[in-house]
Amino acid sequence: MSMMTKQPWVSLTFLLIGMMMFMVVPMMPFAWPAQVVLTGIVMCLLLLSLSWFFIKREKLTLNEVNLRPDCHTPARLALGFAIGALLTGIMLTVLFNLTIVDFAPVTSQSPMPFLISSLVIIPLALMEELLFRGYAFFRSLKAVNVRIVILATALLFGLYHYNDQTTVINVLLGPGIWGVVYGVSAYISGGLAVPLGIHIAANFMQGIFGMNQYVDSLWMIHLVETEKAMLGIEVLGTSMQIVLLLVSVLVLEIYERSMKGASA
């Protein structure tokens, strides 16, 4: 029998332990990119073990926290990848066409090294989804309103990306808003596959144009670094992120209304 209670502190404890793991687990002592790939794999294994511990502690099953893969998982992953590629492709197309941004192929690069280096995206995206949209996310939905769960995990996801080269505003308007996208997709799809697919696709598309530090890009963006041009890029980028947030909220509200109508 399940021992699951409605206290949200259980999910918060999981998140705090998981985030501490990111701070204390060092990079594996191998050459890049194996260093990053293996570190991501180790983190995935640690988070899976932590999830299993919490699940067994409460006498739950993987199904009760939406973590059991099934025959539809590959299709959901592919759907998520298509959604992520479409969203990122639209945003990049708008950016390239409405700002003074140029891009050119990296002459020393070829598709195979790019694809190999892109493999690093998979374990890194998976470890983040396991932490922010895994056990803690679906466990919290049993006790807290879905809007609060999505907002809280998105804020933590954004702040997790903070470092000395960013600002709090930038990580909240960037990764934080994508955290809302991942949260909405996890809730509606009822699992990790769709948000994981979106996450991988978004990072992959960014990697093509040198916007992902772990990927050897095929193309490189060249900015016209005048004050006016940089301001235009920043305003447009922020505007697109806000539109993405509004669309995500709209999708969530439409889904919630449809579910209430179906159960009436």
Protein backbone atom coordinates (compact mmCIF):
# COMPACT_ATOMS: atom_id res chain seq x y z
CA MET A 1 0.00 0.00 0.00
CA SER A 2 1.26 3.47 -0.87
CA MET A 3 2.48 5.63 2.02
CA MET A 4 2.39 8.79 -0.10
CA THR A 5 1.15 11.83 1.80
CA LYS A 6 0.32 15.27 0.58
CA GLN A 7 3.26 17.07 2.21
CA PRO A 8 5.19 18.92 -0.52
CA TRP A 9 8.35 18.93 1.59
CA VAL A 10 9.18 15.44 0.32
CA SER A 11 9.55 16.75 -3.23
CA LEU A 12 11.47 19.78 -1.99
CA THR A 13 13.89 17.50 -0.14
CA PHE A 14 14.46 15.51 -3.31
CA LEU A 15 15.15 18.69 -5.30
CA LEU A 16 17.57 20.06 -2.71
CA ILE A 17 19.53 16.80 -2.54
CA GLY A 18 19.60 16.57 -6.33
CA MET A 19 20.82 20.14 -6.75
CA MET A 20 23.53 19.56 -4.14
CA MET A 21 24.69 16.57 -6.18
CA PHE A 22 25.32 18.88 -9.13
CA MET A 23 27.55 21.04 -6.93
CA VAL A 24 29.60 18.26 -5.33
CA VAL A 25 30.01 15.72 -8.14
CA PRO A 26 33.22 16.68 -10.01
CA MET A 27 33.86 16.34 -13.73
CA MET A 28 35.12 12.89 -14.66
CA PRO A 29 38.92 12.80 -15.23
CA PHE A 30 38.78 12.18 -18.98
CA ALA A 31 39.44 14.21 -22.11
CA TRP A 32 36.62 16.33 -23.52
CA PRO A 33 33.94 15.48 -24.70
CA ALA A 34 34.07 12.11 -22.88
CA GLN A 35 34.51 14.08 -19.65
CA VAL A 36 31.14 15.81 -20.00
CA VAL A 37 29.32 12.74 -21.36
CA LEU A 38 30.50 10.50 -18.52
CA THR A 39 29.74 13.15 -15.91
CA GLY A 40 26.21 13.43 -17.32
CA ILE A 41 25.79 9.64 -17.24
CA VAL A 42 27.01 9.47 -13.62
CA MET A 43 24.56 12.22 -12.64
CA CYS A 44 21.70 10.39 -14.40
CA LEU A 45 22.54 7.20 -12.48
CA LEU A 46 22.73 9.08 -9.18
CA LEU A 47 19.38 10.80 -9.80
CA LEU A 48 17.75 7.53 -10.85
CA SER A 49 19.06 5.95 -7.64
CA LEU A 50 17.80 8.89 -5.59
CA SER A 51 14.39 8.65 -7.29
CA TRP A 52 14.26 4.92 -6.61
CA PHE A 53 15.10 5.49 -2.93
CA PHE A 54 12.30 8.05 -2.50
CA ILE A 55 9.82 5.90 -4.45
CA LYS A 56 10.56 2.82 -2.34
CA ARG A 57 10.54 4.86 0.88
CA GLU A 58 6.95 5.88 0.18
CA LYS A 59 6.03 2.43 -1.17
CA LEU A 60 5.10 3.85 -4.54
CA THR A 61 5.49 2.41 -8.01
CA LEU A 62 7.16 3.95 -11.05
CA ASN A 63 3.70 4.29 -12.61
CA GLU A 64 2.47 6.42 -9.70
CA VAL A 65 5.17 9.02 -10.39
CA ASN A 66 4.98 8.66 -14.19
CA LEU A 67 8.52 7.34 -14.58
CA ARG A 68 7.93 3.93 -16.14
CA PRO A 69 8.74 3.79 -19.88
CA ASP A 70 6.25 2.01 -22.13
CA CYS A 71 5.77 1.15 -25.79
CA HIS A 72 4.72 4.74 -26.55
CA THR A 73 7.87 6.31 -25.06
CA PRO A 74 9.90 6.40 -28.35
CA ALA A 75 6.98 8.06 -30.18
CA ARG A 76 6.58 10.63 -27.40
CA LEU A 77 10.32 11.32 -27.47
CA ALA A 78 10.16 11.85 -31.24
CA LEU A 79 7.14 14.12 -30.84
CA GLY A 80 8.99 16.18 -28.26
CA PHE A 81 12.03 16.45 -30.52
CA ALA A 82 9.83 17.67 -33.38
CA ILE A 83 8.18 20.27 -31.13
CA GLY A 84 11.54 21.46 -29.80
CA ALA A 85 13.07 21.68 -33.27
CA LEU A 86 10.04 23.60 -34.56
CA LEU A 87 10.03 26.11 -31.67
CA THR A 88 13.77 26.72 -31.79
CA GLY A 89 13.76 26.85 -35.60
CA ILE A 90 11.05 29.52 -35.61
CA MET A 91 12.91 31.60 -33.02
CA LEU A 92 16.23 31.36 -34.86
CA THR A 93 14.57 32.21 -38.19
CA VAL A 94 12.98 35.32 -36.69
CA LEU A 95 16.29 36.31 -35.11
CA PHE A 96 18.23 35.92 -38.36
CA ASN A 97 15.68 37.83 -40.41
CA LEU A 98 14.84 40.73 -38.10
CA THR A 99 18.27 41.59 -36.69
CA ILE A 100 21.73 42.32 -38.07
CA VAL A 101 23.01 38.82 -37.48
CA ASP A 102 25.07 36.85 -39.95
CA PHE A 103 26.15 33.23 -39.85
CA ALA A 104 28.73 31.27 -41.79
CA PRO A 105 29.82 27.62 -41.92
CA VAL A 106 32.75 26.55 -39.78
CA THR A 107 35.19 25.52 -42.49
CA SER A 108 37.12 23.13 -40.24
CA GLN A 109 33.98 21.29 -39.18
CA SER A 110 32.16 18.34 -40.78
CA PRO A 111 28.85 16.66 -39.91
CA MET A 112 30.31 13.58 -38.20
CA PRO A 113 32.37 15.38 -35.51
CA PHE A 114 29.36 17.65 -34.94
CA LEU A 115 27.02 14.69 -34.44
CA ILE A 116 29.50 12.96 -32.13
CA SER A 117 29.95 16.06 -29.99
CA SER A 118 26.16 16.50 -29.96
CA LEU A 119 25.79 13.22 -28.07
CA VAL A 120 26.77 15.12 -24.94
CA ILE A 121 23.36 16.82 -25.10
CA ILE A 122 21.48 13.60 -24.30
CA PRO A 123 22.82 12.77 -20.80
CA LEU A 124 22.92 16.46 -19.84
CA ALA A 125 19.29 16.99 -20.85
CA LEU A 126 18.22 13.72 -19.22
CA MET A 127 19.85 14.53 -15.87
CA GLU A 128 18.11 17.92 -15.79
CA GLU A 129 14.74 16.41 -16.68
CA LEU A 130 15.13 13.68 -14.05
CA LEU A 131 15.76 16.33 -11.41
CA PHE A 132 13.23 19.00 -12.38
CA ARG A 133 10.48 17.07 -14.19
CA GLY A 134 10.92 13.61 -12.68
CA TYR A 135 9.95 12.23 -9.28
CA ALA A 136 9.73 15.63 -7.54
CA PHE A 137 7.53 17.11 -10.29
CA PHE A 138 4.95 14.34 -10.46
CA ARG A 139 5.07 13.75 -6.70
CA SER A 140 4.28 17.45 -6.14
CA LEU A 141 1.25 17.27 -8.43
CA LYS A 142 -0.39 15.02 -5.82
CA ALA A 143 -0.21 17.83 -3.25
CA VAL A 144 0.05 21.19 -5.03
CA ASN A 145 -1.76 22.96 -7.89
CA VAL A 146 -0.14 22.23 -11.23
CA ARG A 147 0.49 25.92 -11.95
CA ILE A 148 2.51 26.27 -8.76
CA VAL A 149 4.48 23.10 -9.49
CA ILE A 150 5.37 24.25 -13.01
CA LEU A 151 6.29 27.75 -11.82
CA ALA A 152 8.41 26.51 -8.90
CA THR A 153 10.34 23.92 -10.93
CA ALA A 154 10.84 26.42 -13.77
CA LEU A 155 12.26 29.01 -11.35
CA LEU A 156 14.63 26.44 -9.85
CA PHE A 157 15.61 25.26 -13.33
CA GLY A 158 16.41 28.82 -14.34
CA LEU A 159 18.41 29.57 -11.19
CA TYR A 160 20.30 26.28 -11.63
CA HIS A 161 21.76 27.80 -14.82
CA TYR A 162 23.04 30.90 -13.01
CA ASN A 163 26.81 31.52 -13.06
CA ASP A 164 29.25 34.42 -13.03
CA GLN A 165 28.70 35.02 -16.77
CA THR A 166 24.93 35.46 -16.49
CA THR A 167 22.41 37.49 -14.54
CA VAL A 168 19.37 36.31 -12.59
CA ILE A 169 17.09 38.10 -15.07
CA ASN A 170 18.75 36.38 -18.03
CA VAL A 171 18.45 32.88 -16.60
CA LEU A 172 14.82 33.43 -15.62
CA LEU A 173 13.90 34.82 -19.04
CA GLY A 174 15.91 32.12 -20.82
CA PRO A 175 16.13 28.69 -19.15
CA GLY A 176 13.38 29.67 -16.70
CA ILE A 177 10.83 30.13 -19.49
CA TRP A 178 11.98 26.95 -21.21
CA GLY A 179 11.42 25.30 -17.83
CA VAL A 180 7.76 26.30 -18.13
CA VAL A 181 7.65 24.73 -21.61
CA TYR A 182 9.15 21.49 -20.29
CA GLY A 183 6.82 21.51 -17.28
CA VAL A 184 3.68 22.02 -19.33
CA SER A 185 4.70 19.28 -21.75
CA ALA A 186 5.52 16.90 -18.88
CA TYR A 187 2.14 17.53 -17.25
CA ILE A 188 0.07 17.19 -20.43
CA SER A 189 1.95 14.14 -21.74
CA GLY A 190 2.14 12.52 -18.30
CA GLY A 191 5.84 11.65 -18.44
CA LEU A 192 9.42 12.61 -19.20
CA ALA A 193 9.67 11.60 -22.86
CA VAL A 194 8.08 14.69 -24.47
CA PRO A 195 9.91 17.32 -22.38
CA LEU A 196 13.15 15.37 -22.82
CA GLY A 197 12.66 15.39 -26.61
CA ILE A 198 11.96 19.14 -26.61
CA HIS A 199 15.01 19.74 -24.40
CA ILE A 200 17.34 17.69 -26.61
CA ALA A 201 16.06 19.35 -29.79
CA ALA A 202 16.39 22.88 -28.40
CA ASN A 203 19.99 22.25 -27.31
CA PHE A 204 20.77 20.48 -30.60
CA MET A 205 19.46 23.37 -32.70
CA GLN A 206 21.42 25.84 -30.60
CA GLY A 207 24.51 23.66 -31.01
CA ILE A 208 24.31 23.86 -34.80
CA PHE A 209 24.94 27.62 -34.60
CA GLY A 210 27.52 27.68 -31.84
CA MET A 211 25.06 28.57 -29.07
CA ASN A 212 25.85 25.50 -26.96
CA GLN A 213 29.22 25.44 -25.22
CA TYR A 214 29.49 21.64 -25.32
CA VAL A 215 28.93 21.16 -29.07
CA ASP A 216 31.38 21.69 -31.97
CA SER A 217 29.06 23.76 -34.16
CA LEU A 218 28.54 23.50 -37.92
CA TRP A 219 27.82 27.23 -38.28
CA MET A 220 28.97 30.26 -36.36
CA ILE A 221 26.93 33.39 -35.69
CA HIS A 222 28.59 36.75 -36.31
CA LEU A 223 27.10 39.73 -34.49
CA VAL A 224 27.34 43.33 -35.60
CA GLU A 225 28.46 44.61 -32.23
CA THR A 226 27.07 48.12 -32.24
CA GLU A 227 25.06 49.38 -29.30
CA LYS A 228 21.90 49.70 -31.41
CA ALA A 229 22.29 46.24 -32.98
CA MET A 230 22.93 44.52 -29.65
CA LEU A 231 19.93 46.27 -28.08
CA GLY A 232 17.73 45.13 -30.96
CA ILE A 233 18.88 41.52 -30.56
CA GLU A 234 18.27 41.63 -26.81
CA VAL A 235 14.80 43.15 -27.16
CA LEU A 236 13.77 40.69 -29.87
CA GLY A 237 15.15 37.72 -27.97
CA THR A 238 13.34 38.72 -24.78
CA SER A 239 10.13 39.34 -26.72
CA MET A 240 10.24 35.87 -28.26
CA GLN A 241 10.86 34.28 -24.88
CA ILE A 242 7.83 36.11 -23.42
CA VAL A 243 5.69 34.98 -26.38
CA LEU A 244 6.89 31.41 -25.74
CA LEU A 245 5.86 31.77 -22.09
CA LEU A 246 2.42 33.10 -23.01
CA VAL A 247 1.84 30.32 -25.54
CA SER A 248 2.84 27.71 -22.93
CA VAL A 249 0.45 29.19 -20.36
CA LEU A 250 -2.33 29.31 -22.97
CA VAL A 251 -1.77 25.65 -23.90
CA LEU A 252 -1.90 24.69 -20.21
CA GLU A 253 -5.14 26.60 -19.60
CA ILE A 254 -6.81 25.17 -22.71
CA TYR A 255 -5.81 21.67 -21.61
CA GLU A 256 -7.09 22.25 -18.06
CA ARG A 257 -10.44 23.52 -19.35
CA SER A 258 -10.78 20.59 -21.74
CA MET A 259 -10.09 18.13 -18.91
CA LYS A 260 -12.64 19.80 -16.66
CA GLY A 261 -15.18 19.73 -19.49
CA ALA A 262 -14.52 16.05 -20.11
CA SER A 263 -15.00 15.17 -16.44
CA ALA A 264 -18.15 17.29 -16.01
